[in-house]
Amino acid sequence: MAQGDKTNLLGVAYASVDEGEISGLALCIVQTPDSAERSGIYPGL
């Protein structure tokens, strides 16, 4: 899925199909790893 223009990807839509018809949709929308703000805290160090 995209918003605004086709290069602005925001998520994935999974469609369940039963007998040729869409029977359900599942949306998976998460931020991309490159948009994360890193804390600099590393366990065990």
PDB file of N, CA and C in Angstrom:
ATOM      1  N   MET A   1       0.832  -1.171   0.000  1.00  0.00           N
ATOM      2  CA  MET A   1       0.000   0.000   0.000  1.00  0.00           C
ATOM      3  C   MET A   1       0.877   1.235   0.000  1.00  0.00           C
ATOM      4  N   ALA A   2       0.426   2.259  -0.656  1.00  0.00           N
ATOM      5  CA  ALA A   2       1.149   3.513  -0.731  1.00  0.00           C
ATOM      6  C   ALA A   2       0.188   4.661  -0.439  1.00  0.00           C
ATOM      7  N   GLN A   3       0.763   5.796  -0.052  1.00  0.00           N
ATOM      8  CA  GLN A   3      -0.057   6.973   0.203  1.00  0.00           C
ATOM      9  C   GLN A   3       0.572   8.163  -0.487  1.00  0.00           C
ATOM     10  N   GLY A   4      -0.240   8.978  -1.131  1.00  0.00           N
ATOM     11  CA  GLY A   4       0.264  10.156  -1.830  1.00  0.00           C
ATOM     12  C   GLY A   4       0.730   9.840  -3.233  1.00  0.00           C
ATOM     13  N   ASP A   5       1.771   9.033  -3.355  1.00  0.00           N
ATOM     14  CA  ASP A   5       2.198   8.543  -4.659  1.00  0.00           C
ATOM     15  C   ASP A   5       2.707   7.112  -4.514  1.00  0.00           C
ATOM     16  N   LYS A   6       2.874   6.431  -5.612  1.00  0.00           N
ATOM     17  CA  LYS A   6       3.173   5.001  -5.573  1.00  0.00           C
ATOM     18  C   LYS A   6       4.544   4.654  -5.009  1.00  0.00           C
ATOM     19  N   THR A   7       5.423   5.632  -4.832  1.00  0.00           N
ATOM     20  CA  THR A   7       6.736   5.347  -4.257  1.00  0.00           C
ATOM     21  C   THR A   7       6.760   5.502  -2.736  1.00  0.00           C
ATOM     22  N   ASN A   8       5.695   6.021  -2.136  1.00  0.00           N
ATOM     23  CA  ASN A   8       5.617   6.225  -0.687  1.00  0.00           C
ATOM     24  C   ASN A   8       4.953   5.002  -0.045  1.00  0.00           C
ATOM     25  N   LEU A   9       5.713   3.916   0.047  1.00  0.00           N
ATOM     26  CA  LEU A   9       5.172   2.659   0.553  1.00  0.00           C
ATOM     27  C   LEU A   9       5.020   2.707   2.065  1.00  0.00           C
ATOM     28  N   LEU A  10       3.843   2.271   2.564  1.00  0.00           N
ATOM     29  CA  LEU A  10       3.545   2.334   3.987  1.00  0.00           C
ATOM     30  C   LEU A  10       3.221   0.995   4.611  1.00  0.00           C
ATOM     31  N   GLY A  11       2.764   0.047   3.843  1.00  0.00           N
ATOM     32  CA  GLY A  11       2.372  -1.227   4.432  1.00  0.00           C
ATOM     33  C   GLY A  11       2.035  -2.264   3.383  1.00  0.00           C
ATOM     34  N   VAL A  12       1.603  -3.417   3.894  1.00  0.00           N
ATOM     35  CA  VAL A  12       1.258  -4.550   3.033  1.00  0.00           C
ATOM     36  C   VAL A  12      -0.175  -4.963   3.342  1.00  0.00           C
ATOM     37  N   ALA A  13      -0.931  -5.283   2.309  1.00  0.00           N
ATOM     38  CA  ALA A  13      -2.288  -5.801   2.489  1.00  0.00           C
ATOM     39  C   ALA A  13      -2.312  -7.230   1.965  1.00  0.00           C
ATOM     40  N   TYR A  14      -2.704  -8.153   2.839  1.00  0.00           N
ATOM     41  CA  TYR A  14      -2.842  -9.556   2.450  1.00  0.00           C
ATOM     42  C   TYR A  14      -4.323  -9.836   2.215  1.00  0.00           C
ATOM     43  N   ALA A  15      -4.655 -10.400   1.078  1.00  0.00           N
ATOM     44  CA  ALA A  15      -6.042 -10.721   0.756  1.00  0.00           C
ATOM     45  C   ALA A  15      -6.234 -12.235   0.774  1.00  0.00           C
ATOM     46  N   SER A  16      -7.244 -12.683   1.500  1.00  0.00           N
ATOM     47  CA  SER A  16      -7.626 -14.096   1.481  1.00  0.00           C
ATOM     48  C   SER A  16      -8.682 -14.272   0.399  1.00  0.00           C
ATOM     49  N   VAL A  17      -8.494 -15.271  -0.442  1.00  0.00           N
ATOM     50  CA  VAL A  17      -9.409 -15.502  -1.549  1.00  0.00           C
ATOM     51  C   VAL A  17     -10.063 -16.864  -1.383  1.00  0.00           C
ATOM     52  N   ASP A  18     -11.380 -16.889  -1.501  1.00  0.00           N
ATOM     53  CA  ASP A  18     -12.148 -18.123  -1.389  1.00  0.00           C
ATOM     54  C   ASP A  18     -13.090 -18.221  -2.579  1.00  0.00           C
ATOM     55  N   GLU A  19     -12.902 -19.238  -3.391  1.00  0.00           N
ATOM     56  CA  GLU A  19     -13.715 -19.460  -4.594  1.00  0.00           C
ATOM     57  C   GLU A  19     -13.722 -18.235  -5.509  1.00  0.00           C
ATOM     58  N   GLY A  20     -12.542 -17.626  -5.675  1.00  0.00           N
ATOM     59  CA  GLY A  20     -12.400 -16.519  -6.602  1.00  0.00           C
ATOM     60  C   GLY A  20     -12.837 -15.169  -6.067  1.00  0.00           C
ATOM     61  N   GLU A  21     -13.261 -15.084  -4.806  1.00  0.00           N
ATOM     62  CA  GLU A  21     -13.688 -13.814  -4.224  1.00  0.00           C
ATOM     63  C   GLU A  21     -12.872 -13.500  -2.975  1.00  0.00           C
ATOM     64  N   ILE A  22     -12.635 -12.231  -2.756  1.00  0.00           N
ATOM     65  CA  ILE A  22     -11.911 -11.817  -1.552  1.00  0.00           C
ATOM     66  C   ILE A  22     -12.794 -12.091  -0.338  1.00  0.00           C
ATOM     67  N   SER A  23     -12.251 -12.877   0.607  1.00  0.00           N
ATOM     68  CA  SER A  23     -13.026 -13.219   1.801  1.00  0.00           C
ATOM     69  C   SER A  23     -12.487 -12.535   3.057  1.00  0.00           C
ATOM     70  N   GLY A  24     -11.329 -11.891   2.946  1.00  0.00           N
ATOM     71  CA  GLY A  24     -10.769 -11.184   4.094  1.00  0.00           C
ATOM     72  C   GLY A  24      -9.540 -10.391   3.718  1.00  0.00           C
ATOM     73  N   LEU A  25      -9.258  -9.372   4.523  1.00  0.00           N
ATOM     74  CA  LEU A  25      -8.070  -8.548   4.332  1.00  0.00           C
ATOM     75  C   LEU A  25      -7.337  -8.426   5.657  1.00  0.00           C
ATOM     76  N   ALA A  26      -6.023  -8.473   5.611  1.00  0.00           N
ATOM     77  CA  ALA A  26      -5.192  -8.252   6.786  1.00  0.00           C
ATOM     78  C   ALA A  26      -4.171  -7.186   6.421  1.00  0.00           C
ATOM     79  N   LEU A  27      -4.071  -6.165   7.250  1.00  0.00           N
ATOM     80  CA  LEU A  27      -3.148  -5.074   6.989  1.00  0.00           C
ATOM     81  C   LEU A  27      -1.948  -5.169   7.915  1.00  0.00           C
ATOM     82  N   CYS A  28      -0.777  -4.972   7.371  1.00  0.00           N
ATOM     83  CA  CYS A  28       0.460  -4.986   8.147  1.00  0.00           C
ATOM     84  C   CYS A  28       1.168  -3.664   7.879  1.00  0.00           C
ATOM     85  N   ILE A  29       1.105  -2.781   8.882  1.00  0.00           N
ATOM     86  CA  ILE A  29       1.700  -1.454   8.712  1.00  0.00           C
ATOM     87  C   ILE A  29       2.706  -1.240   9.833  1.00  0.00           C
ATOM     88  N   VAL A  30       3.969  -1.169   9.469  1.00  0.00           N
ATOM     89  CA  VAL A  30       5.039  -0.938  10.434  1.00  0.00           C
ATOM     90  C   VAL A  30       6.005   0.085   9.853  1.00  0.00           C
ATOM     91  N   GLN A  31       6.728   0.735  10.729  1.00  0.00           N
ATOM     92  CA  GLN A  31       7.725   1.680  10.258  1.00  0.00           C
ATOM     93  C   GLN A  31       8.916   0.921   9.682  1.00  0.00           C
ATOM     94  N   THR A  32       9.577   1.539   8.745  1.00  0.00           N
ATOM     95  CA  THR A  32      10.770   0.926   8.174  1.00  0.00           C
ATOM     96  C   THR A  32      11.931   1.093   9.147  1.00  0.00           C
ATOM     97  N   PRO A  33      12.870   0.161   9.174  1.00  0.00           N
ATOM     98  CA  PRO A  33      14.003   0.259  10.086  1.00  0.00           C
ATOM     99  C   PRO A  33      14.805   1.559   9.935  1.00  0.00           C
ATOM    100  N   ASP A  34      14.907   2.087   8.742  1.00  0.00           N
ATOM    101  CA  ASP A  34      15.690   3.312   8.553  1.00  0.00           C
ATOM    102  C   ASP A  34      15.013   4.551   9.128  1.00  0.00           C
ATOM    103  N   SER A  35      13.736   4.453   9.530  1.00  0.00           N
ATOM    104  CA  SER A  35      13.060   5.593  10.138  1.00  0.00           C
ATOM    105  C   SER A  35      13.167   5.589  11.664  1.00  0.00           C
ATOM    106  N   ALA A  36      13.775   4.534  12.230  1.00  0.00           N
ATOM    107  CA  ALA A  36      13.895   4.414  13.689  1.00  0.00           C
ATOM    108  C   ALA A  36      14.946   5.379  14.237  1.00  0.00           C
ATOM    109  N   GLU A  37      14.698   5.877  15.458  1.00  0.00           N
ATOM    110  CA  GLU A  37      15.684   6.691  16.158  1.00  0.00           C
ATOM    111  C   GLU A  37      16.381   5.791  17.159  1.00  0.00           C
ATOM    112  N   ARG A  38      17.652   5.545  16.951  1.00  0.00           N
ATOM    113  CA  ARG A  38      18.400   4.616  17.787  1.00  0.00           C
ATOM    114  C   ARG A  38      18.741   5.228  19.148  1.00  0.00           C
ATOM    115  N   SER A  39      18.677   4.408  20.193  1.00  0.00           N
ATOM    116  CA  SER A  39      18.947   4.876  21.551  1.00  0.00           C
ATOM    117  C   SER A  39      20.426   4.850  21.910  1.00  0.00           C
ATOM    118  N   GLY A  40      21.201   3.980  21.268  1.00  0.00           N
ATOM    119  CA  GLY A  40      22.603   3.835  21.590  1.00  0.00           C
ATOM    120  C   GLY A  40      22.835   2.940  22.801  1.00  0.00           C
ATOM    121  N   ILE A  41      21.765   2.354  23.338  1.00  0.00           N
ATOM    122  CA  ILE A  41      21.873   1.450  24.491  1.00  0.00           C
ATOM    123  C   ILE A  41      21.921   0.011  23.972  1.00  0.00           C
ATOM    124  N   TYR A  42      22.950  -0.740  24.401  1.00  0.00           N
ATOM    125  CA  TYR A  42      23.124  -2.106  23.953  1.00  0.00           C
ATOM    126  C   TYR A  42      23.172  -3.018  25.171  1.00  0.00           C
ATOM    127  N   PRO A  43      22.260  -3.992  25.274  1.00  0.00           N
ATOM    128  CA  PRO A  43      22.254  -4.907  26.425  1.00  0.00           C
ATOM    129  C   PRO A  43      23.589  -5.650  26.549  1.00  0.00           C
ATOM    130  N   GLY A  44      24.054  -5.776  27.784  1.00  0.00           N
ATOM    131  CA  GLY A  44      25.279  -6.522  28.037  1.00  0.00           C
ATOM    132  C   GLY A  44      26.565  -5.745  27.865  1.00  0.00           C
ATOM    133  N   LEU A  45      26.491  -4.519  27.425  1.00  0.00           N
ATOM    134  CA  LEU A  45      27.724  -3.723  27.244  1.00  0.00           C
ATOM    135  C   LEU A  45      27.910  -2.746  28.385  1.00  0.00           C
TER     136      LEU A  45
END
